C-alpha atoms as a PDB file:
ATOM      1  CA  MET A   1       7.418   7.030 -18.890  1.00  0.00           C
ATOM      2  CA  ALA A   2       6.070  10.470 -18.037  1.00  0.00           C
ATOM      3  CA  VAL A   3       3.942  11.026 -14.942  1.00  0.00           C
ATOM      4  CA  GLU A   4       0.820  13.177 -15.358  1.00  0.00           C
ATOM      5  CA  VAL A   5       0.457  15.676 -12.481  1.00  0.00           C
ATOM      6  CA  LYS A   6      -3.295  15.916 -13.192  1.00  0.00           C
ATOM      7  CA  GLU A   7      -3.692  12.170 -12.548  1.00  0.00           C
ATOM      8  CA  LEU A   8      -1.765  12.451  -9.263  1.00  0.00           C
ATOM      9  CA  LEU A   9      -4.075  15.298  -8.234  1.00  0.00           C
ATOM     10  CA  GLU A  10      -7.193  13.251  -9.046  1.00  0.00           C
ATOM     11  CA  ALA A  11      -5.848  10.357  -6.945  1.00  0.00           C
ATOM     12  CA  GLY A  12      -5.287  12.641  -3.937  1.00  0.00           C
ATOM     13  CA  VAL A  13      -1.529  12.050  -3.879  1.00  0.00           C
ATOM     14  CA  HIS A  14      -1.055  15.681  -2.737  1.00  0.00           C
ATOM     15  CA  PHE A  15      -2.787  15.370   0.646  1.00  0.00           C
ATOM     16  CA  GLY A  16      -0.223  15.257   3.450  1.00  0.00           C
ATOM     17  CA  HIS A  17      -0.743  14.960   7.214  1.00  0.00           C
ATOM     18  CA  LEU A  18      -1.882  17.549   9.724  1.00  0.00           C
ATOM     19  CA  THR A  19       0.653  20.379   9.981  1.00  0.00           C
ATOM     20  CA  ARG A  20       1.281  19.654  13.675  1.00  0.00           C
ATOM     21  CA  LYS A  21       2.366  16.096  12.779  1.00  0.00           C
ATOM     22  CA  TRP A  22       4.844  17.023  10.083  1.00  0.00           C
ATOM     23  CA  ASP A  23       8.533  16.227   9.881  1.00  0.00           C
ATOM     24  CA  PRO A  24      10.507  19.417   9.046  1.00  0.00           C
ATOM     25  CA  ASN A  25      12.793  17.403   6.752  1.00  0.00           C
ATOM     26  CA  MET A  26       9.851  17.100   4.357  1.00  0.00           C
ATOM     27  CA  ALA A  27       9.823  20.911   3.889  1.00  0.00           C
ATOM     28  CA  PRO A  28      11.374  20.779   0.363  1.00  0.00           C
ATOM     29  CA  TYR A  29       8.420  18.677  -0.832  1.00  0.00           C
ATOM     30  CA  VAL A  30       5.620  20.745   0.753  1.00  0.00           C
ATOM     31  CA  TYR A  31       3.816  23.195  -1.524  1.00  0.00           C
ATOM     32  CA  MET A  32       1.512  24.901   1.000  1.00  0.00           C
ATOM     33  CA  GLU A  33      -0.744  24.487   4.028  1.00  0.00           C
ATOM     34  CA  ARG A  34      -4.508  24.296   3.654  1.00  0.00           C
ATOM     35  CA  ASN A  35      -6.995  23.931   6.525  1.00  0.00           C
ATOM     36  CA  GLY A  36      -4.291  22.629   8.855  1.00  0.00           C
ATOM     37  CA  ILE A  37      -3.064  20.034   6.338  1.00  0.00           C
ATOM     38  CA  HIS A  38       0.172  20.108   4.353  1.00  0.00           C
ATOM     39  CA  ILE A  39      -0.183  19.928   0.581  1.00  0.00           C
ATOM     40  CA  ILE A  40       2.583  18.056  -1.270  1.00  0.00           C
ATOM     41  CA  ASN A  41       4.177  19.611  -4.355  1.00  0.00           C
ATOM     42  CA  LEU A  42       3.031  17.213  -7.090  1.00  0.00           C
ATOM     43  CA  TYR A  43       5.563  18.476  -9.634  1.00  0.00           C
ATOM     44  CA  LYS A  44       8.278  17.242  -7.274  1.00  0.00           C
ATOM     45  CA  THR A  45       6.345  13.980  -6.762  1.00  0.00           C
ATOM     46  CA  ALA A  46       6.158  13.428 -10.532  1.00  0.00           C
ATOM     47  CA  ALA A  47       9.902  14.082 -10.956  1.00  0.00           C
ATOM     48  CA  LYS A  48      10.758  11.737  -8.078  1.00  0.00           C
ATOM     49  CA  MET A  49       8.464   9.011  -9.441  1.00  0.00           C
ATOM     50  CA  GLU A  50      10.205   9.163 -12.808  1.00  0.00           C
ATOM     51  CA  GLU A  51      13.625   9.031 -11.131  1.00  0.00           C
ATOM     52  CA  ALA A  52      12.597   6.037  -8.969  1.00  0.00           C
ATOM     53  CA  GLY A  53      10.950   4.305 -11.941  1.00  0.00           C
ATOM     54  CA  ALA A  54      14.120   4.552 -14.049  1.00  0.00           C
ATOM     55  CA  ALA A  55      16.265   3.143 -11.220  1.00  0.00           C
ATOM     56  CA  LEU A  56      13.813   0.284 -10.475  1.00  0.00           C
ATOM     57  CA  SER A  57      13.652  -0.578 -14.170  1.00  0.00           C
ATOM     58  CA  LYS A  58      17.460  -0.939 -14.231  1.00  0.00           C
ATOM     59  CA  ILE A  59      17.449  -3.165 -11.128  1.00  0.00           C
ATOM     60  CA  ALA A  60      14.773  -5.408 -12.669  1.00  0.00           C
ATOM     61  CA  ALA A  61      16.694  -5.544 -15.973  1.00  0.00           C
ATOM     62  CA  SER A  62      19.767  -6.747 -14.050  1.00  0.00           C
ATOM     63  CA  GLY A  63      17.799  -9.777 -12.837  1.00  0.00           C
ATOM     64  CA  ARG A  64      17.565  -8.810  -9.174  1.00  0.00           C
ATOM     65  CA  LYS A  65      14.341  -8.888  -7.167  1.00  0.00           C
ATOM     66  CA  ILE A  66      12.596  -5.866  -5.625  1.00  0.00           C
ATOM     67  CA  LEU A  67      10.942  -6.621  -2.293  1.00  0.00           C
ATOM     68  CA  PHE A  68       7.708  -4.707  -1.632  1.00  0.00           C
ATOM     69  CA  VAL A  69       6.774  -3.990   1.992  1.00  0.00           C
ATOM     70  CA  ALA A  70       3.367  -2.687   3.120  1.00  0.00           C
ATOM     71  CA  THR A  71       1.528  -4.061   6.144  1.00  0.00           C
ATOM     72  CA  LYS A  72      -1.070  -1.283   6.552  1.00  0.00           C
ATOM     73  CA  LYS A  73      -4.647  -2.261   5.743  1.00  0.00           C
ATOM     74  CA  GLN A  74      -5.239   0.133   2.829  1.00  0.00           C
ATOM     75  CA  ALA A  75      -2.009  -0.889   1.053  1.00  0.00           C
ATOM     76  CA  LYS A  76      -1.875  -4.684   1.552  1.00  0.00           C
ATOM     77  CA  ASP A  77      -4.152  -5.809  -1.274  1.00  0.00           C
ATOM     78  CA  ILE A  78      -2.783  -3.248  -3.736  1.00  0.00           C
ATOM     79  CA  VAL A  79       0.817  -4.327  -3.063  1.00  0.00           C
ATOM     80  CA  ALA A  80      -0.061  -8.041  -3.288  1.00  0.00           C
ATOM     81  CA  GLU A  81      -1.792  -7.459  -6.636  1.00  0.00           C
ATOM     82  CA  LYS A  82       0.837  -5.186  -8.231  1.00  0.00           C
ATOM     83  CA  ALA A  83       3.910  -7.081  -6.982  1.00  0.00           C
ATOM     84  CA  GLY A  84       2.325 -10.469  -7.733  1.00  0.00           C
ATOM     85  CA  ALA A  85       1.541  -9.429 -11.326  1.00  0.00           C
ATOM     86  CA  ILE A  86       5.224  -8.739 -12.033  1.00  0.00           C
ATOM     87  CA  ASN A  87       6.443 -11.764 -10.045  1.00  0.00           C
ATOM     88  CA  MET A  88       8.154  -9.725  -7.327  1.00  0.00           C
ATOM     89  CA  PRO A  89       8.283 -10.757  -3.630  1.00  0.00           C
ATOM     90  CA  TYR A  90       6.237  -8.850  -1.068  1.00  0.00           C
ATOM     91  CA  ILE A  91       5.496  -8.701   2.651  1.00  0.00           C
ATOM     92  CA  THR A  92       1.954  -7.645   3.577  1.00  0.00           C
ATOM     93  CA  GLU A  93       1.653  -9.425   6.924  1.00  0.00           C
ATOM     94  CA  ARG A  94       3.845  -8.691   9.928  1.00  0.00           C
ATOM     95  CA  TRP A  95       7.492  -8.031   9.007  1.00  0.00           C
ATOM     96  CA  PRO A  96       9.486 -11.113  10.133  1.00  0.00           C
ATOM     97  CA  GLY A  97      12.344  -9.761  12.299  1.00  0.00           C
ATOM     98  CA  GLY A  98      15.668 -10.577  10.630  1.00  0.00           C
ATOM     99  CA  MET A  99      14.008 -10.973   7.248  1.00  0.00           C
ATOM    100  CA  LEU A 100      17.080  -9.367   5.651  1.00  0.00           C
ATOM    101  CA  THR A 101      19.758  -9.389   8.358  1.00  0.00           C
ATOM    102  CA  ASN A 102      19.128 -13.061   9.147  1.00  0.00           C
ATOM    103  CA  PHE A 103      18.086 -14.154   5.669  1.00  0.00           C
ATOM    104  CA  VAL A 104      19.574 -17.666   6.038  1.00  0.00           C
ATOM    105  CA  THR A 105      17.078 -18.489   8.824  1.00  0.00           C
ATOM    106  CA  ILE A 106      14.176 -17.105   6.778  1.00  0.00           C
ATOM    107  CA  ARG A 107      15.234 -19.283   3.824  1.00  0.00           C
ATOM    108  CA  LYS A 108      15.221 -22.322   6.136  1.00  0.00           C
ATOM    109  CA  ALA A 109      11.602 -21.553   7.043  1.00  0.00           C
ATOM    110  CA  VAL A 110      10.716 -21.282   3.332  1.00  0.00           C
ATOM    111  CA  LYS A 111      12.454 -24.621   2.686  1.00  0.00           C
ATOM    112  CA  LYS A 112      10.425 -26.142   5.531  1.00  0.00           C
ATOM    113  CA  MET A 113       7.309 -25.147   3.591  1.00  0.00           C
ATOM    114  CA  ALA A 114       8.642 -26.917   0.491  1.00  0.00           C
ATOM    115  CA  ALA A 115       9.514 -29.994   2.596  1.00  0.00           C
ATOM    116  CA  ILE A 116       5.907 -30.218   3.860  1.00  0.00           C
ATOM    117  CA  ASP A 117       4.671 -30.006   0.258  1.00  0.00           C
ATOM    118  CA  ARG A 118       6.993 -32.877  -0.703  1.00  0.00           C
ATOM    119  CA  MET A 119       5.658 -34.931   2.229  1.00  0.00           C
ATOM    120  CA  LYS A 120       2.157 -34.492   0.862  1.00  0.00           C
ATOM    121  CA  LYS A 121       3.215 -35.545  -2.625  1.00  0.00           C
ATOM    122  CA  ASP A 122       5.228 -38.641  -1.684  1.00  0.00           C
ATOM    123  CA  GLY A 123       2.669 -39.948   0.804  1.00  0.00           C
ATOM    124  CA  THR A 124       4.757 -39.440   3.979  1.00  0.00           C
ATOM    125  CA  PHE A 125       2.107 -37.008   5.239  1.00  0.00           C
ATOM    126  CA  ASN A 126      -0.590 -39.718   5.208  1.00  0.00           C
ATOM    127  CA  SER A 127       1.538 -41.992   7.419  1.00  0.00           C
ATOM    128  CA  LEU A 128       1.379 -39.426  10.251  1.00  0.00           C
ATOM    129  CA  SER A 129      -1.224 -39.567  12.998  1.00  0.00           C
ATOM    130  CA  LYS A 130      -4.294 -37.336  12.735  1.00  0.00           C
ATOM    131  CA  LYS A 131      -2.914 -35.003  15.424  1.00  0.00           C
ATOM    132  CA  GLU A 132       0.487 -34.717  13.688  1.00  0.00           C
ATOM    133  CA  ARG A 133      -1.183 -34.013  10.332  1.00  0.00           C
ATOM    134  CA  LEU A 134      -3.184 -31.217  11.936  1.00  0.00           C
ATOM    135  CA  GLN A 135      -0.027 -29.707  13.463  1.00  0.00           C
ATOM    136  CA  VAL A 136       1.840 -29.884  10.146  1.00  0.00           C
ATOM    137  CA  ASP A 137      -1.104 -28.298   8.306  1.00  0.00           C
ATOM    138  CA  ARG A 138      -1.234 -25.451  10.816  1.00  0.00           C
ATOM    139  CA  GLN A 139       2.515 -24.892  10.511  1.00  0.00           C
ATOM    140  CA  ARG A 140       2.245 -24.875   6.687  1.00  0.00           C
ATOM    141  CA  ALA A 141      -0.640 -22.367   6.771  1.00  0.00           C
ATOM    142  CA  LYS A 142       1.277 -20.057   9.130  1.00  0.00           C
ATOM    143  CA  LEU A 143       4.414 -20.192   6.968  1.00  0.00           C
ATOM    144  CA  GLU A 144       2.356 -19.575   3.832  1.00  0.00           C
ATOM    145  CA  LYS A 145       0.652 -16.538   5.378  1.00  0.00           C
ATOM    146  CA  ASN A 146       3.912 -14.916   6.485  1.00  0.00           C
ATOM    147  CA  LEU A 147       6.419 -16.124   3.899  1.00  0.00           C
ATOM    148  CA  GLY A 148       4.510 -17.566   0.942  1.00  0.00           C
ATOM    149  CA  SER A 149       4.907 -14.365  -1.058  1.00  0.00           C
ATOM    150  CA  ILE A 150       8.722 -14.502  -0.784  1.00  0.00           C
ATOM    151  CA  SER A 151       9.194 -18.223  -1.508  1.00  0.00           C
ATOM    152  CA  ASP A 152      10.877 -17.445  -4.864  1.00  0.00           C
ATOM    153  CA  MET A 153      13.338 -14.980  -3.319  1.00  0.00           C
ATOM    154  CA  THR A 154      16.460 -17.137  -3.107  1.00  0.00           C
ATOM    155  CA  ARG A 155      18.860 -14.291  -2.319  1.00  0.00           C
ATOM    156  CA  LEU A 156      18.740 -10.830  -0.777  1.00  0.00           C
ATOM    157  CA  PRO A 157      16.711  -8.351  -2.856  1.00  0.00           C
ATOM    158  CA  GLY A 158      18.309  -5.719  -5.061  1.00  0.00           C
ATOM    159  CA  ALA A 159      16.026  -3.073  -3.544  1.00  0.00           C
ATOM    160  CA  LEU A 160      13.155  -2.464  -1.133  1.00  0.00           C
ATOM    161  CA  PHE A 161       9.964  -0.587  -1.992  1.00  0.00           C
ATOM    162  CA  VAL A 162       8.120   0.579   1.119  1.00  0.00           C
ATOM    163  CA  VAL A 163       4.720   2.156   1.720  1.00  0.00           C
ATOM    164  CA  ASP A 164       4.816   4.147   5.003  1.00  0.00           C
ATOM    165  CA  ILE A 165       8.380   4.236   6.338  1.00  0.00           C
ATOM    166  CA  LYS A 166       7.245   5.053   9.876  1.00  0.00           C
ATOM    167  CA  ARG A 167       5.210   1.880  10.123  1.00  0.00           C
ATOM    168  CA  GLU A 168       7.870  -0.255   8.402  1.00  0.00           C
ATOM    169  CA  HIS A 169      10.815   1.189  10.383  1.00  0.00           C
ATOM    170  CA  ILE A 170      12.249  -2.280  11.183  1.00  0.00           C
ATOM    171  CA  ALA A 171      12.430  -3.167   7.479  1.00  0.00           C
ATOM    172  CA  ILE A 172      14.065   0.215   6.784  1.00  0.00           C
ATOM    173  CA  LYS A 173      16.718  -0.361   9.480  1.00  0.00           C
ATOM    174  CA  GLU A 174      17.558  -3.850   8.185  1.00  0.00           C
ATOM    175  CA  ALA A 175      17.933  -2.586   4.600  1.00  0.00           C
ATOM    176  CA  GLN A 176      20.144   0.297   5.801  1.00  0.00           C
ATOM    177  CA  LYS A 177      22.434  -2.150   7.642  1.00  0.00           C
ATOM    178  CA  LEU A 178      22.937  -4.161   4.448  1.00  0.00           C
ATOM    179  CA  ASN A 179      23.158  -1.121   2.128  1.00  0.00           C
ATOM    180  CA  ILE A 180      20.101  -2.269   0.164  1.00  0.00           C
ATOM    181  CA  PRO A 181      18.652   0.713  -1.759  1.00  0.00           C
ATOM    182  CA  ILE A 182      15.326   1.884  -0.309  1.00  0.00           C
ATOM    183  CA  PHE A 183      12.531   3.291  -2.482  1.00  0.00           C
ATOM    184  CA  ALA A 184       9.469   4.576  -0.646  1.00  0.00           C
ATOM    185  CA  MET A 185       6.280   6.571  -0.619  1.00  0.00           C
ATOM    186  CA  VAL A 186       7.044   9.195   2.041  1.00  0.00           C
ATOM    187  CA  ASP A 187       4.273  11.256   3.633  1.00  0.00           C
ATOM    188  CA  THR A 188       4.750  14.644   5.365  1.00  0.00           C
ATOM    189  CA  ASN A 189       4.981  13.035   8.829  1.00  0.00           C
ATOM    190  CA  SER A 190       8.107  10.988   7.943  1.00  0.00           C
ATOM    191  CA  ASP A 191      11.840  11.636   7.631  1.00  0.00           C
ATOM    192  CA  PRO A 192      12.876  11.342   3.952  1.00  0.00           C
ATOM    193  CA  ARG A 193      16.572  11.130   4.893  1.00  0.00           C
ATOM    194  CA  GLN A 194      16.087   7.416   5.676  1.00  0.00           C
ATOM    195  CA  VAL A 195      15.276   6.669   2.042  1.00  0.00           C
ATOM    196  CA  ASP A 196      17.487   6.582  -1.069  1.00  0.00           C
ATOM    197  CA  PHE A 197      14.644   7.274  -3.536  1.00  0.00           C
ATOM    198  CA  VAL A 198      11.894   9.398  -2.006  1.00  0.00           C
ATOM    199  CA  ILE A 199       8.445   9.618  -3.584  1.00  0.00           C
ATOM    200  CA  PRO A 200       6.658  12.367  -1.610  1.00  0.00           C
ATOM    201  CA  ALA A 201       3.045  11.184  -1.510  1.00  0.00           C
ATOM    202  CA  ASN A 202      -0.056  10.507   0.536  1.00  0.00           C
ATOM    203  CA  ASP A 203       0.620   7.016   1.929  1.00  0.00           C
ATOM    204  CA  ASP A 204      -2.785   6.602   3.621  1.00  0.00           C
ATOM    205  CA  ALA A 205      -5.333   6.789   0.791  1.00  0.00           C
ATOM    206  CA  SER A 206      -5.744   3.652  -1.307  1.00  0.00           C
ATOM    207  CA  LYS A 207      -6.234   5.703  -4.524  1.00  0.00           C
ATOM    208  CA  SER A 208      -2.901   7.441  -3.966  1.00  0.00           C
ATOM    209  CA  ILE A 209      -1.111   4.163  -3.154  1.00  0.00           C
ATOM    210  CA  ASP A 210      -2.642   2.521  -6.237  1.00  0.00           C
ATOM    211  CA  LYS A 211      -1.587   5.386  -8.533  1.00  0.00           C
ATOM    212  CA  VAL A 212       2.051   5.374  -7.373  1.00  0.00           C
ATOM    213  CA  LEU A 213       2.352   1.575  -7.309  1.00  0.00           C
ATOM    214  CA  SER A 214       0.841   1.215 -10.795  1.00  0.00           C
ATOM    215  CA  TYR A 215       3.603   3.443 -12.159  1.00  0.00           C
ATOM    216  CA  VAL A 216       6.293   1.616 -10.159  1.00  0.00           C
ATOM    217  CA  ALA A 217       5.043  -1.811 -11.307  1.00  0.00           C
ATOM    218  CA  ASP A 218       4.952  -0.660 -14.947  1.00  0.00           C
ATOM    219  CA  SER A 219       8.556   0.604 -14.660  1.00  0.00           C
ATOM    220  CA  ILE A 220       9.687  -2.758 -13.253  1.00  0.00           C
ATOM    221  CA  ALA A 221       7.752  -4.617 -15.959  1.00  0.00           C
ATOM    222  CA  GLN A 222       9.600  -2.539 -18.562  1.00  0.00           C
ATOM    223  CA  GLY A 223      12.935  -3.556 -17.027  1.00  0.00           C
ATOM    224  CA  LEU A 224      11.873  -7.210 -17.048  1.00  0.00           C
ATOM    225  CA  SER A 225      10.860  -7.086 -20.721  1.00  0.00           C
ATOM    226  CA  GLU A 226      14.201  -5.466 -21.595  1.00  0.00           C
ATOM    227  CA  ARG A 227      15.961  -8.316 -19.803  1.00  0.00           C
ATOM    228  CA  LYS A 228      13.871 -10.886 -21.689  1.00  0.00           C
ATOM    229  CA  ALA A 229      14.570  -9.208 -25.034  1.00  0.00           C
ATOM    230  CA  GLU A 230      18.297  -9.187 -24.236  1.00  0.00           C
ATOM    231  CA  LYS A 231      18.235 -12.885 -23.314  1.00  0.00           C
ATOM    232  CA  ASP A 232      16.269 -13.790 -26.456  1.00  0.00           C
ATOM    233  CA  GLY A 233      18.719 -11.787 -28.557  1.00  0.00           C
ATOM    234  CA  ALA A 234      21.681 -13.587 -27.005  1.00  0.00           C
ATOM    235  CA  LYS A 235      20.017 -16.975 -27.642  1.00  0.00           C
ATOM    236  CA  ALA A 236      19.345 -16.066 -31.258  1.00  0.00           C
ATOM    237  CA  GLU A 237      22.955 -14.942 -31.693  1.00  0.00           C
ATOM    238  CA  LYS A 238      24.183 -18.204 -30.227  1.00  0.00           C
ATOM    239  CA  ALA A 239      21.869 -20.244 -32.440  1.00  0.00           C
ATOM    240  CA  ALA A 240      22.721 -18.327 -35.646  1.00  0.00           C
ATOM    241  CA  PRO A 241      26.083 -20.056 -36.406  1.00  0.00           C
ATOM    242  CA  LYS A 242      24.483 -23.485 -35.864  1.00  0.00           C
ATOM    243  CA  ALA A 243      21.598 -22.618 -38.182  1.00  0.00           C
ATOM    244  CA  LYS A 244      24.055 -21.301 -40.762  1.00  0.00           C
ATOM    245  CA  ALA A 245      26.113 -24.494 -40.583  1.00  0.00           C
ATOM    246  CA  ALA A 246      22.986 -26.643 -40.896  1.00  0.00           C
ATOM    247  CA  ALA A 247      21.876 -24.668 -43.961  1.00  0.00           C
ATOM    248  CA  LYS A 248      25.315 -25.079 -45.566  1.00  0.00           C
ATOM    249  CA  LYS A 249      25.172 -28.799 -44.858  1.00  0.00           C
ATOM    250  CA  ALA A 250      21.741 -29.060 -46.456  1.00  0.00           C
ATOM    251  CA  VAL A 251      22.875 -27.164 -49.556  1.00  0.00           C
ATOM    252  CA  ALA A 252      25.980 -29.389 -49.878  1.00  0.00           C
ATOM    253  CA  ALA A 253      23.845 -32.522 -49.576  1.00  0.00           C
ATOM    254  CA  THR A 254      21.474 -31.256 -52.299  1.00  0.00           C
ATOM    255  CA  GLU A 255      24.392 -30.510 -54.615  1.00  0.00           C
ATOM    256  CA  GLU A 256      25.812 -34.003 -54.093  1.00  0.00           C
ATOM    257  CA  GLU A 257      22.498 -35.567 -54.984  1.00  0.00           C
ATOM    258  CA  GLU A 258      22.378 -33.553 -58.204  1.00  0.00           C
END
């Protein structure tokens, strides 16, 4: 899928930070300075988006999950919507320390959530006192808020997609420790060397975030549909000999009757 530079321009993807706040390692992605603000080279952004999209599509096609991370106000709802639509896990509340490096403990917390749900279904919940029920409900709500969006993530993700690597530095460090590939929107005030797939872009404006994430989500969706088509093809292949045998049997039975 090709990225239109004109559309990136209209979304304000090119606006970087104030020149005094820049990280010199972003120099290769800066086109110019205007009114004390760095302007990002959108041709490089488009190329990097296409590169990241192709890699994310492959990861999705392999059946692994991509974990989206964005806790800043202007990105939260966009990430929840885009990641949710393609059934990918996301963190939009506070990053739970050890989310990746201590994944076993995080899974236990998710299982606790499922256990509370079972209690409510089998009637155990109703046998508790009013105070206990209130405590359990509060615990369930807290778990849902922080971990509800990753309840389907049963193993470590195949990749991380981050909006604002400065803000999400803990998530970045955990992924680096485990050699999990990091994809990210990187603004001019951040160090791109921390990321495997850099998308130089304005990570503060919601229009810019929406534009980049729409492309990323579409790339992942493409990978998922390829995986589905492959699975369906394999099923059909497996079923073909059985269907052939059944047809032969039916023909033989008809001939016998004649």
